[in-house]
Amino acid sequence: MTKKQLKSMGNKLKAKRLQLGYTQENVAELSNISFSTYSKIENAIQSPSLDTLIRISVVLDISIDYLIFGNENAQKNISDFSDIITLLQNADMKQVRYVYELLSQLLSKIK
């Protein structure tokens, strides 16, 4: 990720966080990451891992596509997957990795 992309993503995270009335501490806790990590991501100091990005996007109800590429159409539909989002919020890291691997395999077969 370029510095410009990180800055853009951080700005989108901050805007959504403020819209929801969350503090950085709230998002970090709900995402099960450290406050320091979340703060560095939002301030474009650190690029998030995929697992971390998924966790944050679920908490903030914001699409990863929108965060990285700015695709606003993707943002409109994320709430349509509330059951999946709830399952991922309650999943541990082993389960999240399993879902990621499963989706990766399925998507590679579609190409």
N, C-alpha and C. Protein backbone atom coordinates (compact mmCIF):
# COMPACT_ATOMS: atom_id res chain seq x y z
N MET A 1 0.83 -1.17 0.00
CA MET A 1 0.00 0.00 0.00
C MET A 1 0.89 1.24 0.00
N THR A 2 0.53 2.20 -0.82
CA THR A 2 1.30 3.44 -0.86
C THR A 2 0.93 4.32 0.34
N LYS A 3 1.77 5.29 0.62
CA LYS A 3 1.50 6.22 1.72
C LYS A 3 0.18 6.97 1.46
N LYS A 4 -0.07 7.32 0.21
CA LYS A 4 -1.31 8.02 -0.15
C LYS A 4 -2.53 7.14 0.13
N GLN A 5 -2.46 5.86 -0.22
CA GLN A 5 -3.56 4.93 0.05
C GLN A 5 -3.77 4.74 1.55
N LEU A 6 -2.66 4.65 2.30
CA LEU A 6 -2.78 4.52 3.75
C LEU A 6 -3.45 5.74 4.36
N LYS A 7 -3.06 6.92 3.89
CA LYS A 7 -3.64 8.16 4.40
C LYS A 7 -5.14 8.22 4.08
N SER A 8 -5.50 7.85 2.85
CA SER A 8 -6.90 7.85 2.45
C SER A 8 -7.71 6.87 3.30
N MET A 9 -7.16 5.68 3.51
CA MET A 9 -7.84 4.68 4.32
C MET A 9 -7.99 5.19 5.76
N GLY A 10 -6.96 5.78 6.30
CA GLY A 10 -7.03 6.32 7.65
C GLY A 10 -8.10 7.38 7.79
N ASN A 11 -8.20 8.24 6.79
CA ASN A 11 -9.23 9.30 6.81
C ASN A 11 -10.64 8.70 6.76
N LYS A 12 -10.82 7.65 5.96
CA LYS A 12 -12.13 6.99 5.87
C LYS A 12 -12.48 6.30 7.19
N LEU A 13 -11.48 5.65 7.80
CA LEU A 13 -11.72 5.01 9.09
C LEU A 13 -12.11 6.03 10.14
N LYS A 14 -11.39 7.13 10.17
CA LYS A 14 -11.66 8.17 11.16
C LYS A 14 -13.07 8.75 10.96
N ALA A 15 -13.42 9.05 9.72
CA ALA A 15 -14.73 9.62 9.43
C ALA A 15 -15.85 8.68 9.87
N LYS A 16 -15.70 7.40 9.55
CA LYS A 16 -16.73 6.41 9.92
C LYS A 16 -16.78 6.24 11.43
N ARG A 17 -15.61 6.21 12.07
CA ARG A 17 -15.55 6.06 13.52
C ARG A 17 -16.27 7.22 14.21
N LEU A 18 -16.00 8.43 13.75
CA LEU A 18 -16.64 9.60 14.33
C LEU A 18 -18.15 9.61 14.06
N GLN A 19 -18.53 9.18 12.86
CA GLN A 19 -19.95 9.10 12.51
C GLN A 19 -20.69 8.16 13.47
N LEU A 20 -20.03 7.09 13.87
CA LEU A 20 -20.64 6.12 14.77
C LEU A 20 -20.51 6.53 16.25
N GLY A 21 -19.74 7.59 16.50
CA GLY A 21 -19.56 8.05 17.87
C GLY A 21 -18.58 7.23 18.67
N TYR A 22 -17.67 6.55 18.00
CA TYR A 22 -16.67 5.71 18.67
C TYR A 22 -15.38 6.49 18.89
N THR A 23 -14.66 6.10 19.92
CA THR A 23 -13.30 6.57 20.11
C THR A 23 -12.36 5.55 19.47
N GLN A 24 -11.11 5.91 19.33
CA GLN A 24 -10.14 4.94 18.82
C GLN A 24 -10.06 3.74 19.76
N GLU A 25 -10.16 4.01 21.06
CA GLU A 25 -10.12 2.93 22.04
C GLU A 25 -11.29 1.96 21.85
N ASN A 26 -12.49 2.51 21.57
CA ASN A 26 -13.66 1.66 21.33
C ASN A 26 -13.42 0.72 20.15
N VAL A 27 -12.95 1.29 19.04
CA VAL A 27 -12.74 0.48 17.84
C VAL A 27 -11.68 -0.58 18.08
N ALA A 28 -10.61 -0.19 18.75
CA ALA A 28 -9.53 -1.15 19.04
C ALA A 28 -10.06 -2.30 19.89
N GLU A 29 -10.80 -1.98 20.93
CA GLU A 29 -11.33 -3.01 21.81
C GLU A 29 -12.31 -3.92 21.08
N LEU A 30 -13.24 -3.34 20.34
CA LEU A 30 -14.22 -4.14 19.61
C LEU A 30 -13.58 -4.98 18.51
N SER A 31 -12.47 -4.50 17.97
CA SER A 31 -11.75 -5.23 16.91
C SER A 31 -10.77 -6.24 17.47
N ASN A 32 -10.62 -6.22 18.80
CA ASN A 32 -9.67 -7.11 19.47
C ASN A 32 -8.23 -6.88 19.00
N ILE A 33 -7.88 -5.60 18.86
CA ILE A 33 -6.51 -5.22 18.55
C ILE A 33 -6.08 -4.18 19.58
N SER A 34 -4.79 -3.88 19.62
CA SER A 34 -4.33 -2.88 20.59
C SER A 34 -4.71 -1.48 20.13
N PHE A 35 -4.85 -0.60 21.10
CA PHE A 35 -5.12 0.80 20.79
C PHE A 35 -3.99 1.37 19.92
N SER A 36 -2.76 1.03 20.27
CA SER A 36 -1.60 1.53 19.53
C SER A 36 -1.67 1.13 18.06
N THR A 37 -2.03 -0.13 17.81
CA THR A 37 -2.14 -0.61 16.42
C THR A 37 -3.22 0.16 15.67
N TYR A 38 -4.39 0.29 16.28
CA TYR A 38 -5.47 1.01 15.60
C TYR A 38 -5.08 2.46 15.33
N SER A 39 -4.50 3.10 16.30
CA SER A 39 -4.09 4.50 16.15
C SER A 39 -3.09 4.66 15.00
N LYS A 40 -2.14 3.75 14.91
CA LYS A 40 -1.14 3.81 13.83
C LYS A 40 -1.78 3.59 12.46
N ILE A 41 -2.79 2.72 12.39
CA ILE A 41 -3.49 2.48 11.12
C ILE A 41 -4.27 3.73 10.72
N GLU A 42 -5.03 4.27 11.66
CA GLU A 42 -5.85 5.45 11.35
C GLU A 42 -5.00 6.66 10.99
N ASN A 43 -3.80 6.74 11.56
CA ASN A 43 -2.91 7.87 11.29
C ASN A 43 -1.90 7.59 10.19
N ALA A 44 -2.13 6.51 9.43
CA ALA A 44 -1.32 6.16 8.25
C ALA A 44 0.15 5.92 8.59
N ILE A 45 0.40 5.40 9.78
CA ILE A 45 1.77 5.08 10.19
C ILE A 45 2.06 3.61 9.93
N GLN A 46 1.03 2.79 9.99
CA GLN A 46 1.18 1.34 9.85
C GLN A 46 0.10 0.79 8.93
N SER A 47 0.50 -0.13 8.07
CA SER A 47 -0.45 -0.82 7.20
C SER A 47 -1.03 -2.01 7.97
N PRO A 48 -2.34 -2.21 7.93
CA PRO A 48 -2.93 -3.32 8.68
C PRO A 48 -2.76 -4.66 7.96
N SER A 49 -2.71 -5.72 8.76
CA SER A 49 -2.75 -7.06 8.17
C SER A 49 -4.17 -7.28 7.66
N LEU A 50 -4.35 -8.30 6.86
CA LEU A 50 -5.70 -8.61 6.35
C LEU A 50 -6.65 -8.94 7.50
N ASP A 51 -6.20 -9.74 8.45
CA ASP A 51 -7.05 -10.08 9.59
C ASP A 51 -7.48 -8.84 10.35
N THR A 52 -6.55 -7.93 10.58
CA THR A 52 -6.86 -6.69 11.30
C THR A 52 -7.82 -5.83 10.51
N LEU A 53 -7.60 -5.73 9.21
CA LEU A 53 -8.49 -4.93 8.37
C LEU A 53 -9.91 -5.49 8.36
N ILE A 54 -10.03 -6.80 8.32
CA ILE A 54 -11.34 -7.44 8.38
C ILE A 54 -12.03 -7.11 9.69
N ARG A 55 -11.31 -7.24 10.78
CA ARG A 55 -11.89 -6.97 12.09
C ARG A 55 -12.38 -5.53 12.21
N ILE A 56 -11.57 -4.59 11.75
CA ILE A 56 -11.94 -3.17 11.82
C ILE A 56 -13.14 -2.90 10.92
N SER A 57 -13.12 -3.45 9.71
CA SER A 57 -14.21 -3.19 8.78
C SER A 57 -15.54 -3.73 9.30
N VAL A 58 -15.49 -4.86 9.99
CA VAL A 58 -16.71 -5.44 10.57
C VAL A 58 -17.23 -4.54 11.68
N VAL A 59 -16.35 -4.09 12.55
CA VAL A 59 -16.76 -3.23 13.67
C VAL A 59 -17.36 -1.92 13.16
N LEU A 60 -16.73 -1.34 12.15
CA LEU A 60 -17.20 -0.04 11.64
C LEU A 60 -18.26 -0.19 10.54
N ASP A 61 -18.59 -1.43 10.16
CA ASP A 61 -19.57 -1.68 9.10
C ASP A 61 -19.21 -0.89 7.84
N ILE A 62 -17.98 -1.14 7.39
CA ILE A 62 -17.44 -0.44 6.22
C ILE A 62 -16.72 -1.46 5.34
N SER A 63 -16.88 -1.36 4.04
CA SER A 63 -16.28 -2.38 3.17
C SER A 63 -14.78 -2.15 2.97
N ILE A 64 -14.08 -3.26 2.85
CA ILE A 64 -12.64 -3.20 2.60
C ILE A 64 -12.38 -2.59 1.23
N ASP A 65 -13.24 -2.91 0.26
CA ASP A 65 -13.12 -2.35 -1.09
C ASP A 65 -13.18 -0.82 -1.03
N TYR A 66 -14.11 -0.31 -0.25
CA TYR A 66 -14.23 1.13 -0.09
C TYR A 66 -13.01 1.71 0.61
N LEU A 67 -12.54 1.05 1.65
CA LEU A 67 -11.38 1.55 2.39
C LEU A 67 -10.13 1.64 1.52
N ILE A 68 -9.90 0.62 0.71
CA ILE A 68 -8.67 0.57 -0.08
C ILE A 68 -8.80 1.29 -1.42
N PHE A 69 -9.91 1.06 -2.11
CA PHE A 69 -10.05 1.58 -3.46
C PHE A 69 -11.02 2.75 -3.61
N GLY A 70 -11.79 3.01 -2.56
CA GLY A 70 -12.74 4.12 -2.62
C GLY A 70 -14.01 3.81 -3.38
N ASN A 71 -14.29 2.52 -3.61
CA ASN A 71 -15.48 2.12 -4.34
C ASN A 71 -16.70 2.30 -3.45
N GLU A 72 -17.42 3.40 -3.64
CA GLU A 72 -18.55 3.72 -2.78
C GLU A 72 -19.73 2.78 -2.99
N ASN A 73 -19.85 2.17 -4.15
CA ASN A 73 -20.94 1.21 -4.37
C ASN A 73 -20.80 0.02 -3.44
N ALA A 74 -19.58 -0.39 -3.16
CA ALA A 74 -19.36 -1.51 -2.25
C ALA A 74 -19.80 -1.14 -0.84
N GLN A 75 -19.65 0.11 -0.47
CA GLN A 75 -20.03 0.55 0.87
C GLN A 75 -21.54 0.44 1.10
N LYS A 76 -22.32 0.63 0.08
CA LYS A 76 -23.77 0.63 0.24
C LYS A 76 -24.32 -0.74 0.60
N ASN A 77 -23.61 -1.81 0.26
CA ASN A 77 -24.16 -3.14 0.41
C ASN A 77 -23.64 -3.92 1.61
N ILE A 78 -22.75 -3.37 2.39
CA ILE A 78 -22.14 -4.17 3.46
C ILE A 78 -23.16 -4.60 4.50
N SER A 79 -24.17 -3.78 4.77
CA SER A 79 -25.17 -4.14 5.78
C SER A 79 -26.04 -5.31 5.34
N ASP A 80 -26.05 -5.61 4.05
CA ASP A 80 -26.81 -6.75 3.55
C ASP A 80 -26.26 -8.08 4.06
N PHE A 81 -25.08 -8.06 4.61
CA PHE A 81 -24.42 -9.27 5.07
C PHE A 81 -24.33 -9.31 6.60
N SER A 82 -25.34 -8.80 7.27
CA SER A 82 -25.28 -8.67 8.73
C SER A 82 -25.09 -10.02 9.43
N ASP A 83 -25.67 -11.10 8.91
CA ASP A 83 -25.49 -12.41 9.53
C ASP A 83 -24.03 -12.85 9.46
N ILE A 84 -23.42 -12.64 8.32
CA ILE A 84 -22.01 -13.01 8.15
C ILE A 84 -21.14 -12.13 9.04
N ILE A 85 -21.45 -10.86 9.10
CA ILE A 85 -20.68 -9.93 9.92
C ILE A 85 -20.77 -10.34 11.39
N THR A 86 -21.95 -10.71 11.85
CA THR A 86 -22.12 -11.15 13.23
C THR A 86 -21.29 -12.40 13.52
N LEU A 87 -21.32 -13.34 12.59
CA LEU A 87 -20.51 -14.56 12.77
C LEU A 87 -19.03 -14.23 12.86
N LEU A 88 -18.55 -13.35 11.99
CA LEU A 88 -17.13 -12.99 12.01
C LEU A 88 -16.75 -12.22 13.27
N GLN A 89 -17.65 -11.39 13.76
CA GLN A 89 -17.38 -10.65 14.99
C GLN A 89 -17.20 -11.59 16.17
N ASN A 90 -17.92 -12.69 16.15
CA ASN A 90 -17.85 -13.65 17.26
C ASN A 90 -16.81 -14.75 17.04
N ALA A 91 -16.13 -14.74 15.91
CA ALA A 91 -15.16 -15.77 15.59
C ALA A 91 -13.81 -15.47 16.23
N ASP A 92 -13.09 -16.55 16.54
CA ASP A 92 -11.71 -16.35 17.00
C ASP A 92 -10.80 -16.33 15.77
N MET A 93 -9.53 -16.05 15.99
CA MET A 93 -8.60 -15.90 14.86
C MET A 93 -8.47 -17.17 14.04
N LYS A 94 -8.52 -18.33 14.67
CA LYS A 94 -8.44 -19.59 13.94
C LYS A 94 -9.62 -19.71 12.98
N GLN A 95 -10.80 -19.35 13.43
CA GLN A 95 -11.99 -19.41 12.59
C GLN A 95 -11.91 -18.39 11.45
N VAL A 96 -11.43 -17.20 11.75
CA VAL A 96 -11.30 -16.17 10.71
C VAL A 96 -10.32 -16.64 9.64
N ARG A 97 -9.21 -17.21 10.05
CA ARG A 97 -8.23 -17.72 9.07
C ARG A 97 -8.84 -18.83 8.21
N TYR A 98 -9.62 -19.71 8.84
CA TYR A 98 -10.27 -20.79 8.10
C TYR A 98 -11.22 -20.22 7.05
N VAL A 99 -12.03 -19.24 7.45
CA VAL A 99 -12.97 -18.62 6.51
C VAL A 99 -12.20 -17.95 5.37
N TYR A 100 -11.12 -17.28 5.71
CA TYR A 100 -10.29 -16.63 4.69
C TYR A 100 -9.76 -17.65 3.69
N GLU A 101 -9.21 -18.75 4.19
CA GLU A 101 -8.67 -19.79 3.30
C GLU A 101 -9.77 -20.39 2.43
N LEU A 102 -10.91 -20.64 3.03
CA LEU A 102 -12.04 -21.21 2.29
C LEU A 102 -12.48 -20.26 1.18
N LEU A 103 -12.64 -18.99 1.50
CA LEU A 103 -13.04 -18.01 0.49
C LEU A 103 -11.98 -17.88 -0.60
N SER A 104 -10.73 -17.90 -0.22
CA SER A 104 -9.65 -17.81 -1.22
C SER A 104 -9.72 -18.96 -2.20
N GLN A 105 -9.95 -20.15 -1.69
CA GLN A 105 -10.04 -21.32 -2.55
C GLN A 105 -11.27 -21.24 -3.46
N LEU A 106 -12.38 -20.84 -2.91
CA LEU A 106 -13.61 -20.72 -3.72
C LEU A 106 -13.46 -19.67 -4.81
N LEU A 107 -12.91 -18.53 -4.45
CA LEU A 107 -12.77 -17.45 -5.42
C LEU A 107 -11.76 -17.80 -6.52
N SER A 108 -10.74 -18.55 -6.19
CA SER A 108 -9.76 -18.94 -7.21
C SER A 108 -10.37 -19.88 -8.24
N LYS A 109 -11.39 -20.64 -7.84
CA LYS A 109 -12.06 -21.55 -8.76
C LYS A 109 -13.03 -20.83 -9.67
N ILE A 110 -13.47 -19.65 -9.27
CA ILE A 110 -14.42 -18.87 -10.07
C ILE A 110 -13.73 -18.21 -11.26
N LYS A 111 -12.49 -17.84 -11.08
CA LYS A 111 -11.74 -17.12 -12.13
C LYS A 111 -11.67 -17.91 -13.35
